[in-house]
Amino acid sequence: MIAEPDCHKRGCRHFGGVEQPDGTELSEVVVCPAYPDGIPRRITLDGELHLTAQKDQVGSIVFEETTLDDRPEEDEG
């Protein structure tokens, strides 16, 4: 099991969760659109804030805090 990533704790709207590419816990990676194959440890655990695009990422997505508008609506039923 992976420790809770910093990007999730900080509420990044792009956080994609944890994936298990081979279906096992041993292959778990934390993903987002900028790092679909796994967010680097320097961002998930070592304190890098990812406020600027990095050479090793896909596209130009960087940390953006989740807002109330980003949260899914709850069912009223």
PDB file of N, CA and C in Angstrom:
ATOM      1  N   MET A   1       0.838  -1.181   0.000  1.00  0.00           N
ATOM      2  CA  MET A   1       0.000   0.000   0.000  1.00  0.00           C
ATOM      3  C   MET A   1       0.884   1.246   0.000  1.00  0.00           C
ATOM      4  N   ILE A   2       0.505   2.224  -0.794  1.00  0.00           N
ATOM      5  CA  ILE A   2       1.258   3.463  -0.929  1.00  0.00           C
ATOM      6  C   ILE A   2       0.819   4.450   0.156  1.00  0.00           C
ATOM      7  N   ALA A   3       1.796   5.188   0.686  1.00  0.00           N
ATOM      8  CA  ALA A   3       1.473   6.264   1.643  1.00  0.00           C
ATOM      9  C   ALA A   3       0.662   7.335   0.915  1.00  0.00           C
ATOM     10  N   GLU A   4      -0.152   8.085   1.656  1.00  0.00           N
ATOM     11  CA  GLU A   4      -0.958   9.131   1.027  1.00  0.00           C
ATOM     12  C   GLU A   4      -0.049  10.174   0.379  1.00  0.00           C
ATOM     13  N   PRO A   5      -0.177  10.371  -0.926  1.00  0.00           N
ATOM     14  CA  PRO A   5       0.686  11.307  -1.636  1.00  0.00           C
ATOM     15  C   PRO A   5       0.425  12.759  -1.249  1.00  0.00           C
ATOM     16  N   ASP A   6       1.497  13.556  -1.238  1.00  0.00           N
ATOM     17  CA  ASP A   6       1.391  14.980  -0.917  1.00  0.00           C
ATOM     18  C   ASP A   6       0.408  15.702  -1.841  1.00  0.00           C
ATOM     19  N   CYS A   7       0.412  15.333  -3.125  1.00  0.00           N
ATOM     20  CA  CYS A   7      -0.478  16.022  -4.070  1.00  0.00           C
ATOM     21  C   CYS A   7      -1.948  15.771  -3.714  1.00  0.00           C
ATOM     22  N   HIS A   8      -2.244  14.620  -3.150  1.00  0.00           N
ATOM     23  CA  HIS A   8      -3.617  14.346  -2.707  1.00  0.00           C
ATOM     24  C   HIS A   8      -3.919  15.116  -1.425  1.00  0.00           C
ATOM     25  N   LYS A   9      -2.980  15.119  -0.494  1.00  0.00           N
ATOM     26  CA  LYS A   9      -3.169  15.861   0.759  1.00  0.00           C
ATOM     27  C   LYS A   9      -3.399  17.348   0.489  1.00  0.00           C
ATOM     28  N   ARG A  10      -2.700  17.879  -0.494  1.00  0.00           N
ATOM     29  CA  ARG A  10      -2.823  19.302  -0.825  1.00  0.00           C
ATOM     30  C   ARG A  10      -4.064  19.592  -1.649  1.00  0.00           C
ATOM     31  N   GLY A  11      -4.746  18.559  -2.122  1.00  0.00           N
ATOM     32  CA  GLY A  11      -5.994  18.746  -2.850  1.00  0.00           C
ATOM     33  C   GLY A  11      -5.833  19.106  -4.311  1.00  0.00           C
ATOM     34  N   CYS A  12      -4.860  18.509  -4.991  1.00  0.00           N
ATOM     35  CA  CYS A  12      -4.685  18.822  -6.412  1.00  0.00           C
ATOM     36  C   CYS A  12      -5.879  18.303  -7.208  1.00  0.00           C
ATOM     37  N   ARG A  13      -6.443  19.175  -8.018  1.00  0.00           N
ATOM     38  CA  ARG A  13      -7.616  18.807  -8.813  1.00  0.00           C
ATOM     39  C   ARG A  13      -7.294  17.781  -9.890  1.00  0.00           C
ATOM     40  N   HIS A  14      -6.016  17.588 -10.219  1.00  0.00           N
ATOM     41  CA  HIS A  14      -5.629  16.652 -11.274  1.00  0.00           C
ATOM     42  C   HIS A  14      -5.272  15.265 -10.740  1.00  0.00           C
ATOM     43  N   PHE A  15      -5.275  15.105  -9.430  1.00  0.00           N
ATOM     44  CA  PHE A  15      -4.907  13.824  -8.833  1.00  0.00           C
ATOM     45  C   PHE A  15      -5.811  12.725  -9.380  1.00  0.00           C
ATOM     46  N   GLY A  16      -5.184  11.663  -9.882  1.00  0.00           N
ATOM     47  CA  GLY A  16      -5.944  10.584 -10.516  1.00  0.00           C
ATOM     48  C   GLY A  16      -6.086   9.331  -9.688  1.00  0.00           C
ATOM     49  N   GLY A  17      -5.469   9.316  -8.527  1.00  0.00           N
ATOM     50  CA  GLY A  17      -5.577   8.141  -7.671  1.00  0.00           C
ATOM     51  C   GLY A  17      -4.424   7.173  -7.843  1.00  0.00           C
ATOM     52  N   VAL A  18      -4.655   5.954  -7.368  1.00  0.00           N
ATOM     53  CA  VAL A  18      -3.642   4.904  -7.414  1.00  0.00           C
ATOM     54  C   VAL A  18      -4.085   3.844  -8.415  1.00  0.00           C
ATOM     55  N   GLU A  19      -3.179   3.442  -9.277  1.00  0.00           N
ATOM     56  CA  GLU A  19      -3.460   2.371 -10.227  1.00  0.00           C
ATOM     57  C   GLU A  19      -2.547   1.190  -9.945  1.00  0.00           C
ATOM     58  N   GLN A  20      -3.013   0.013 -10.312  1.00  0.00           N
ATOM     59  CA  GLN A  20      -2.238  -1.219 -10.183  1.00  0.00           C
ATOM     60  C   GLN A  20      -2.105  -1.824 -11.582  1.00  0.00           C
ATOM     61  N   PRO A  21      -1.072  -1.436 -12.331  1.00  0.00           N
ATOM     62  CA  PRO A  21      -0.952  -1.884 -13.719  1.00  0.00           C
ATOM     63  C   PRO A  21      -1.031  -3.399 -13.914  1.00  0.00           C
ATOM     64  N   ASP A  22      -0.466  -4.167 -12.996  1.00  0.00           N
ATOM     65  CA  ASP A  22      -0.551  -5.623 -13.168  1.00  0.00           C
ATOM     66  C   ASP A  22      -1.579  -6.261 -12.232  1.00  0.00           C
ATOM     67  N   GLY A  23      -2.381  -5.411 -11.588  1.00  0.00           N
ATOM     68  CA  GLY A  23      -3.434  -5.916 -10.728  1.00  0.00           C
ATOM     69  C   GLY A  23      -3.010  -6.270  -9.313  1.00  0.00           C
ATOM     70  N   THR A  24      -1.753  -5.970  -8.972  1.00  0.00           N
ATOM     71  CA  THR A  24      -1.278  -6.286  -7.629  1.00  0.00           C
ATOM     72  C   THR A  24      -0.808  -5.031  -6.916  1.00  0.00           C
ATOM     73  N   GLU A  25      -0.780  -5.119  -5.596  1.00  0.00           N
ATOM     74  CA  GLU A  25      -0.309  -4.006  -4.777  1.00  0.00           C
ATOM     75  C   GLU A  25       1.152  -3.653  -5.080  1.00  0.00           C
ATOM     76  N   LEU A  26       1.923  -4.632  -5.487  1.00  0.00           N
ATOM     77  CA  LEU A  26       3.344  -4.398  -5.763  1.00  0.00           C
ATOM     78  C   LEU A  26       3.571  -3.448  -6.926  1.00  0.00           C
ATOM     79  N   SER A  27       2.598  -3.324  -7.804  1.00  0.00           N
ATOM     80  CA  SER A  27       2.761  -2.461  -8.979  1.00  0.00           C
ATOM     81  C   SER A  27       2.092  -1.102  -8.817  1.00  0.00           C
ATOM     82  N   GLU A  28       1.592  -0.778  -7.623  1.00  0.00           N
ATOM     83  CA  GLU A  28       0.849   0.464  -7.425  1.00  0.00           C
ATOM     84  C   GLU A  28       1.654   1.706  -7.788  1.00  0.00           C
ATOM     85  N   VAL A  29       1.004   2.600  -8.533  1.00  0.00           N
ATOM     86  CA  VAL A  29       1.582   3.896  -8.879  1.00  0.00           C
ATOM     87  C   VAL A  29       0.509   4.966  -8.718  1.00  0.00           C
ATOM     88  N   VAL A  30       0.930   6.151  -8.330  1.00  0.00           N
ATOM     89  CA  VAL A  30       0.042   7.302  -8.195  1.00  0.00           C
ATOM     90  C   VAL A  30       0.078   8.042  -9.525  1.00  0.00           C
ATOM     91  N   VAL A  31      -1.099   8.375 -10.064  1.00  0.00           N
ATOM     92  CA  VAL A  31      -1.149   8.948 -11.405  1.00  0.00           C
ATOM     93  C   VAL A  31      -1.932  10.252 -11.472  1.00  0.00           C
ATOM     94  N   CYS A  32      -1.690  10.970 -12.556  1.00  0.00           N
ATOM     95  CA  CYS A  32      -2.435  12.175 -12.919  1.00  0.00           C
ATOM     96  C   CYS A  32      -2.189  12.399 -14.402  1.00  0.00           C
ATOM     97  N   PRO A  33      -2.887  13.337 -15.028  1.00  0.00           N
ATOM     98  CA  PRO A  33      -2.667  13.561 -16.461  1.00  0.00           C
ATOM     99  C   PRO A  33      -1.223  13.934 -16.817  1.00  0.00           C
ATOM    100  N   ALA A  34      -0.526  14.618 -15.927  1.00  0.00           N
ATOM    101  CA  ALA A  34       0.863  14.999 -16.204  1.00  0.00           C
ATOM    102  C   ALA A  34       1.815  13.809 -16.105  1.00  0.00           C
ATOM    103  N   TYR A  35       1.444  12.827 -15.287  1.00  0.00           N
ATOM    104  CA  TYR A  35       2.268  11.637 -15.075  1.00  0.00           C
ATOM    105  C   TYR A  35       1.399  10.383 -15.127  1.00  0.00           C
ATOM    106  N   PRO A  36       0.928  10.012 -16.322  1.00  0.00           N
ATOM    107  CA  PRO A  36       0.027   8.863 -16.433  1.00  0.00           C
ATOM    108  C   PRO A  36       0.680   7.521 -16.095  1.00  0.00           C
ATOM    109  N   ASP A  37       2.000   7.463 -16.125  1.00  0.00           N
ATOM    110  CA  ASP A  37       2.702   6.215 -15.785  1.00  0.00           C
ATOM    111  C   ASP A  37       3.222   6.218 -14.362  1.00  0.00           C
ATOM    112  N   GLY A  38       2.925   7.263 -13.610  1.00  0.00           N
ATOM    113  CA  GLY A  38       3.336   7.341 -12.215  1.00  0.00           C
ATOM    114  C   GLY A  38       3.988   8.673 -11.886  1.00  0.00           C
ATOM    115  N   ILE A  39       3.439   9.339 -10.879  1.00  0.00           N
ATOM    116  CA  ILE A  39       3.993  10.614 -10.431  1.00  0.00           C
ATOM    117  C   ILE A  39       5.291  10.344  -9.682  1.00  0.00           C
ATOM    118  N   PRO A  40       6.357  11.072  -9.988  1.00  0.00           N
ATOM    119  CA  PRO A  40       7.642  10.845  -9.324  1.00  0.00           C
ATOM    120  C   PRO A  40       7.566  11.066  -7.806  1.00  0.00           C
ATOM    121  N   ARG A  41       8.391  10.318  -7.098  1.00  0.00           N
ATOM    122  CA  ARG A  41       8.451  10.403  -5.646  1.00  0.00           C
ATOM    123  C   ARG A  41       8.725  11.830  -5.169  1.00  0.00           C
ATOM    124  N   ARG A  42       9.521  12.580  -5.934  1.00  0.00           N
ATOM    125  CA  ARG A  42       9.853  13.943  -5.508  1.00  0.00           C
ATOM    126  C   ARG A  42       8.601  14.795  -5.344  1.00  0.00           C
ATOM    127  N   ILE A  43       7.533  14.452  -6.068  1.00  0.00           N
ATOM    128  CA  ILE A  43       6.271  15.184  -5.981  1.00  0.00           C
ATOM    129  C   ILE A  43       5.324  14.508  -4.985  1.00  0.00           C
ATOM    130  N   THR A  44       5.246  13.190  -5.017  1.00  0.00           N
ATOM    131  CA  THR A  44       4.277  12.490  -4.162  1.00  0.00           C
ATOM    132  C   THR A  44       4.686  12.442  -2.701  1.00  0.00           C
ATOM    133  N   LEU A  45       5.984  12.385  -2.416  1.00  0.00           N
ATOM    134  CA  LEU A  45       6.419  12.194  -1.032  1.00  0.00           C
ATOM    135  C   LEU A  45       7.528  13.124  -0.548  1.00  0.00           C
ATOM    136  N   ASP A  46       8.292  13.695  -1.466  1.00  0.00           N
ATOM    137  CA  ASP A  46       9.482  14.446  -1.046  1.00  0.00           C
ATOM    138  C   ASP A  46       9.313  15.966  -1.032  1.00  0.00           C
ATOM    139  N   GLY A  47       8.088  16.453  -1.164  1.00  0.00           N
ATOM    140  CA  GLY A  47       7.839  17.873  -0.943  1.00  0.00           C
ATOM    141  C   GLY A  47       7.889  18.804  -2.135  1.00  0.00           C
ATOM    142  N   GLU A  48       8.224  18.306  -3.333  1.00  0.00           N
ATOM    143  CA  GLU A  48       8.208  19.206  -4.487  1.00  0.00           C
ATOM    144  C   GLU A  48       6.761  19.605  -4.770  1.00  0.00           C
ATOM    145  N   LEU A  49       6.499  20.877  -4.981  1.00  0.00           N
ATOM    146  CA  LEU A  49       5.137  21.374  -5.101  1.00  0.00           C
ATOM    147  C   LEU A  49       4.535  21.245  -6.503  1.00  0.00           C
ATOM    148  N   HIS A  50       5.345  21.038  -7.515  1.00  0.00           N
ATOM    149  CA  HIS A  50       4.916  20.898  -8.907  1.00  0.00           C
ATOM    150  C   HIS A  50       4.086  22.109  -9.348  1.00  0.00           C
ATOM    151  N   LEU A  51       4.692  23.276  -9.191  1.00  0.00           N
ATOM    152  CA  LEU A  51       4.041  24.522  -9.578  1.00  0.00           C
ATOM    153  C   LEU A  51       4.432  24.976 -10.981  1.00  0.00           C
ATOM    154  N   THR A  52       5.442  24.323 -11.555  1.00  0.00           N
ATOM    155  CA  THR A  52       5.853  24.609 -12.933  1.00  0.00           C
ATOM    156  C   THR A  52       5.974  23.287 -13.672  1.00  0.00           C
ATOM    157  N   ALA A  53       5.759  23.330 -14.985  1.00  0.00           N
ATOM    158  CA  ALA A  53       5.866  22.123 -15.800  1.00  0.00           C
ATOM    159  C   ALA A  53       7.296  21.579 -15.744  1.00  0.00           C
ATOM    160  N   GLN A  54       7.386  20.255 -15.721  1.00  0.00           N
ATOM    161  CA  GLN A  54       8.676  19.573 -15.627  1.00  0.00           C
ATOM    162  C   GLN A  54       9.023  18.919 -16.963  1.00  0.00           C
ATOM    163  N   LYS A  55      10.295  18.728 -17.220  1.00  0.00           N
ATOM    164  CA  LYS A  55      10.746  18.124 -18.478  1.00  0.00           C
ATOM    165  C   LYS A  55      10.265  16.689 -18.638  1.00  0.00           C
ATOM    166  N   ASP A  56      10.044  15.989 -17.529  1.00  0.00           N
ATOM    167  CA  ASP A  56       9.671  14.570 -17.607  1.00  0.00           C
ATOM    168  C   ASP A  56       8.163  14.322 -17.572  1.00  0.00           C
ATOM    169  N   GLN A  57       7.357  15.360 -17.676  1.00  0.00           N
ATOM    170  CA  GLN A  57       5.907  15.180 -17.609  1.00  0.00           C
ATOM    171  C   GLN A  57       5.274  15.285 -18.984  1.00  0.00           C
ATOM    172  N   VAL A  58       3.991  14.905 -19.063  1.00  0.00           N
ATOM    173  CA  VAL A  58       3.209  15.025 -20.283  1.00  0.00           C
ATOM    174  C   VAL A  58       2.463  16.355 -20.225  1.00  0.00           C
ATOM    175  N   GLY A  59       2.557  17.153 -21.260  1.00  0.00           N
ATOM    176  CA  GLY A  59       1.821  18.414 -21.310  1.00  0.00           C
ATOM    177  C   GLY A  59       2.330  19.453 -20.330  1.00  0.00           C
ATOM    178  N   SER A  60       1.442  20.371 -19.967  1.00  0.00           N
ATOM    179  CA  SER A  60       1.857  21.488 -19.111  1.00  0.00           C
ATOM    180  C   SER A  60       1.034  21.592 -17.822  1.00  0.00           C
ATOM    181  N   ILE A  61       0.294  20.555 -17.475  1.00  0.00           N
ATOM    182  CA  ILE A  61      -0.525  20.575 -16.263  1.00  0.00           C
ATOM    183  C   ILE A  61       0.365  20.627 -15.033  1.00  0.00           C
ATOM    184  N   VAL A  62       0.012  21.506 -14.102  1.00  0.00           N
ATOM    185  CA  VAL A  62       0.720  21.616 -12.827  1.00  0.00           C
ATOM    186  C   VAL A  62      -0.313  21.610 -11.695  1.00  0.00           C
ATOM    187  N   PHE A  63       0.167  21.646 -10.456  1.00  0.00           N
ATOM    188  CA  PHE A  63      -0.718  21.640  -9.305  1.00  0.00           C
ATOM    189  C   PHE A  63      -1.739  22.762  -9.391  1.00  0.00           C
ATOM    190  N   GLU A  64      -2.997  22.401  -9.181  1.00  0.00           N
ATOM    191  CA  GLU A  64      -4.086  23.371  -9.019  1.00  0.00           C
ATOM    192  C   GLU A  64      -4.957  22.846  -7.896  1.00  0.00           C
ATOM    193  N   GLU A  65      -5.248  23.694  -6.957  1.00  0.00           N
ATOM    194  CA  GLU A  65      -6.061  23.278  -5.822  1.00  0.00           C
ATOM    195  C   GLU A  65      -7.501  23.004  -6.255  1.00  0.00           C
ATOM    196  N   THR A  66      -8.069  21.949  -5.723  1.00  0.00           N
ATOM    197  CA  THR A  66      -9.463  21.622  -5.986  1.00  0.00           C
ATOM    198  C   THR A  66     -10.351  22.710  -5.405  1.00  0.00           C
ATOM    199  N   THR A  67     -11.358  23.094  -6.158  1.00  0.00           N
ATOM    200  CA  THR A  67     -12.319  24.078  -5.675  1.00  0.00           C
ATOM    201  C   THR A  67     -13.664  23.392  -5.467  1.00  0.00           C
ATOM    202  N   LEU A  68     -14.587  24.077  -4.861  1.00  0.00           N
ATOM    203  CA  LEU A  68     -15.921  23.505  -4.662  1.00  0.00           C
ATOM    204  C   LEU A  68     -16.565  23.133  -5.996  1.00  0.00           C
ATOM    205  N   ASP A  69     -16.266  23.885  -7.049  1.00  0.00           N
ATOM    206  CA  ASP A  69     -16.833  23.605  -8.369  1.00  0.00           C
ATOM    207  C   ASP A  69     -16.313  22.298  -8.959  1.00  0.00           C
ATOM    208  N   ASP A  70     -15.143  21.831  -8.493  1.00  0.00           N
ATOM    209  CA  ASP A  70     -14.546  20.606  -9.015  1.00  0.00           C
ATOM    210  C   ASP A  70     -15.113  19.353  -8.364  1.00  0.00           C
ATOM    211  N   ARG A  71     -15.725  19.495  -7.220  1.00  0.00           N
ATOM    212  CA  ARG A  71     -16.192  18.342  -6.464  1.00  0.00           C
ATOM    213  C   ARG A  71     -17.498  17.808  -7.046  1.00  0.00           C
ATOM    214  N   PRO A  72     -17.634  16.474  -7.102  1.00  0.00           N
ATOM    215  CA  PRO A  72     -18.869  15.917  -7.642  1.00  0.00           C
ATOM    216  C   PRO A  72     -20.070  16.244  -6.754  1.00  0.00           C
ATOM    217  N   GLU A  73     -21.204  16.428  -7.381  1.00  0.00           N
ATOM    218  CA  GLU A  73     -22.420  16.698  -6.624  1.00  0.00           C
ATOM    219  C   GLU A  73     -22.891  15.415  -5.947  1.00  0.00           C
ATOM    220  N   GLU A  74     -23.411  15.546  -4.742  1.00  0.00           N
ATOM    221  CA  GLU A  74     -23.919  14.390  -4.028  1.00  0.00           C
ATOM    222  C   GLU A  74     -25.361  14.138  -4.439  1.00  0.00           C
ATOM    223  N   ASP A  75     -25.709  12.854  -4.511  1.00  0.00           N
ATOM    224  CA  ASP A  75     -27.089  12.489  -4.809  1.00  0.00           C
ATOM    225  C   ASP A  75     -27.988  12.871  -3.647  1.00  0.00           C
ATOM    226  N   GLU A  76     -29.141  13.377  -3.961  1.00  0.00           N
ATOM    227  CA  GLU A  76     -30.095  13.749  -2.916  1.00  0.00           C
ATOM    228  C   GLU A  76     -31.200  12.706  -2.862  1.00  0.00           C
ATOM    229  N   GLY A  77     -30.836  11.496  -2.536  1.00  0.00           N
ATOM    230  CA  GLY A  77     -31.887  10.509  -2.538  1.00  0.00           C
ATOM    231  C   GLY A  77     -31.675   9.426  -1.641  1.00  0.00           C
TER     232      GLY A  77
END
